[in-house]
Amino acid sequence: MLKHRGFPGRLPGTDYQFVIRRASHAKGVTKLVARERFRDRAPADKRADAGFMAALWECFGEEPFERGNLDAGRLSWLLGREVVPAEDPFDPESYEALLQIDVKRARASFPEVFGEGE
């Protein structure tokens, strides 16, 4: 499992995790699944999504990136919208799976991350 050096471990000042420490060999790889984000989500959850997107953008930009040690739960909140598979076929249960930011959708969802919501 690739460890993304320099990627923040969590949203500062919270317990919202962005990376995992080690691969789970006993339970297997946590499957990525697109999760529905409802309008009534807590403000803290929305900040965690924006913080995670900002970290992805800063580390990877428009380039494809390996899932590696990125937290499956946090990725799943963005999967299928702002973060999309960068390979076909895509294996949602692989640490080596390639993902990519859909910049157009990410800008629309998180204008504050891209300097457009100020």
Protein backbone atom coordinates (compact mmCIF):
# COMPACT_ATOMS: atom_id res chain seq x y z
CA MET A 1 0.00 0.00 0.00
CA LEU A 2 1.41 3.34 -1.09
CA LYS A 3 1.69 5.86 1.73
CA HIS A 4 1.11 9.39 0.47
CA ARG A 5 3.90 11.30 2.20
CA GLY A 6 2.97 14.87 3.05
CA PHE A 7 -0.78 14.22 2.86
CA PRO A 8 -2.51 15.44 6.05
CA GLY A 9 -3.55 12.66 8.39
CA ARG A 10 -6.78 14.36 9.40
CA LEU A 11 -8.70 17.62 9.26
CA PRO A 12 -6.84 19.92 11.68
CA GLY A 13 -8.56 20.24 15.05
CA THR A 14 -10.97 17.32 14.42
CA ASP A 15 -11.13 13.55 14.42
CA TYR A 16 -11.99 13.41 10.70
CA GLN A 17 -9.41 10.97 9.37
CA PHE A 18 -7.88 11.43 5.88
CA VAL A 19 -5.41 8.50 5.79
CA ILE A 20 -5.04 5.07 7.33
CA ARG A 21 -1.86 3.94 9.05
CA ARG A 22 -1.58 0.41 7.71
CA ALA A 23 -3.20 -2.01 5.31
CA SER A 24 -5.82 -4.28 6.84
CA HIS A 25 -4.70 -7.78 5.89
CA ALA A 26 -7.08 -9.56 8.26
CA LYS A 27 -10.27 -7.88 7.04
CA GLY A 28 -9.19 -7.11 3.49
CA VAL A 29 -9.31 -3.80 1.66
CA THR A 30 -12.31 -1.60 2.45
CA LYS A 31 -14.36 -1.24 -0.72
CA LEU A 32 -14.91 2.25 -2.12
CA VAL A 33 -18.62 2.97 -2.64
CA ALA A 34 -20.19 6.24 -3.74
CA ARG A 35 -22.06 7.68 -0.75
CA GLU A 36 -24.96 10.09 -1.15
CA ARG A 37 -24.36 13.53 0.36
CA PHE A 38 -27.58 15.07 1.58
CA ARG A 39 -28.13 18.83 1.95
CA ASP A 40 -28.75 18.53 5.69
CA ARG A 41 -25.28 17.14 6.49
CA ALA A 42 -23.63 18.68 9.52
CA PRO A 43 -21.39 21.70 8.89
CA ALA A 44 -18.42 19.76 10.33
CA ASP A 45 -18.97 16.99 7.76
CA LYS A 46 -19.05 19.56 4.96
CA ARG A 47 -15.80 21.10 6.25
CA ALA A 48 -14.20 17.64 6.30
CA ASP A 49 -15.23 17.06 2.67
CA ALA A 50 -13.83 20.45 1.64
CA GLY A 51 -10.62 19.89 3.63
CA PHE A 52 -10.10 16.49 2.05
CA MET A 53 -10.73 17.90 -1.44
CA ALA A 54 -8.25 20.71 -0.75
CA ALA A 55 -5.62 18.15 0.30
CA LEU A 56 -6.28 16.03 -2.80
CA TRP A 57 -6.02 19.10 -5.04
CA GLU A 58 -2.81 20.30 -3.38
CA CYS A 59 -1.14 16.88 -3.56
CA PHE A 60 -2.34 15.60 -6.94
CA GLY A 61 -3.98 18.38 -8.96
CA GLU A 62 -5.45 17.04 -12.19
CA GLU A 63 -3.14 14.01 -12.32
CA PRO A 64 -4.31 10.46 -11.60
CA PHE A 65 -3.35 9.18 -8.15
CA GLU A 66 -3.18 5.82 -6.43
CA ARG A 67 -5.68 5.18 -3.65
CA GLY A 68 -2.92 3.98 -1.36
CA ASN A 69 -3.45 4.90 2.28
CA LEU A 70 -6.24 7.43 1.63
CA ASP A 71 -9.21 6.75 3.91
CA ALA A 72 -11.93 4.74 2.13
CA GLY A 73 -14.76 6.40 4.04
CA ARG A 74 -13.58 9.91 3.21
CA LEU A 75 -12.98 8.99 -0.45
CA SER A 76 -16.42 7.41 -0.68
CA TRP A 77 -18.11 10.76 0.11
CA LEU A 78 -16.53 12.17 -3.10
CA LEU A 79 -16.47 9.05 -5.29
CA GLY A 80 -18.48 9.18 -8.48
CA ARG A 81 -18.76 12.95 -8.38
CA GLU A 82 -15.63 14.98 -7.57
CA VAL A 83 -13.33 11.94 -7.58
CA VAL A 84 -13.68 9.41 -10.38
CA PRO A 85 -11.88 6.23 -11.45
CA ALA A 86 -8.88 6.92 -13.67
CA GLU A 87 -8.72 3.39 -15.07
CA ASP A 88 -11.00 0.85 -16.67
CA PRO A 89 -11.62 -1.64 -15.24
CA PHE A 90 -11.67 -0.02 -11.81
CA ASP A 91 -11.20 -2.20 -8.73
CA PRO A 92 -12.84 -0.50 -5.72
CA GLU A 93 -11.14 -3.01 -3.41
CA SER A 94 -7.55 -2.29 -4.42
CA TYR A 95 -5.03 -0.02 -2.72
CA GLU A 96 -3.43 0.34 -6.19
CA ALA A 97 -6.66 1.63 -7.83
CA LEU A 98 -6.15 4.86 -9.76
CA LEU A 99 -8.43 7.83 -9.13
CA GLN A 100 -8.59 11.37 -10.47
CA ILE A 101 -10.29 14.63 -9.53
CA ASP A 102 -13.10 15.64 -11.89
CA VAL A 103 -12.01 19.27 -11.81
CA LYS A 104 -15.21 20.71 -13.28
CA ARG A 105 -17.43 18.99 -10.71
CA ALA A 106 -14.99 19.64 -7.87
CA ARG A 107 -14.93 23.38 -8.66
CA ALA A 108 -18.74 23.46 -8.66
CA SER A 109 -19.01 21.54 -5.37
CA PHE A 110 -16.11 23.17 -3.53
CA PRO A 111 -15.56 26.69 -4.93
CA GLU A 112 -13.80 27.69 -1.69
CA VAL A 113 -11.08 25.12 -2.38
CA PHE A 114 -10.37 26.48 -5.85
CA GLY A 115 -10.46 30.16 -4.86
CA GLU A 116 -13.86 30.86 -6.40
CA GLY A 117 -16.04 31.11 -3.30
CA GLU A 118 -14.43 34.10 -1.63
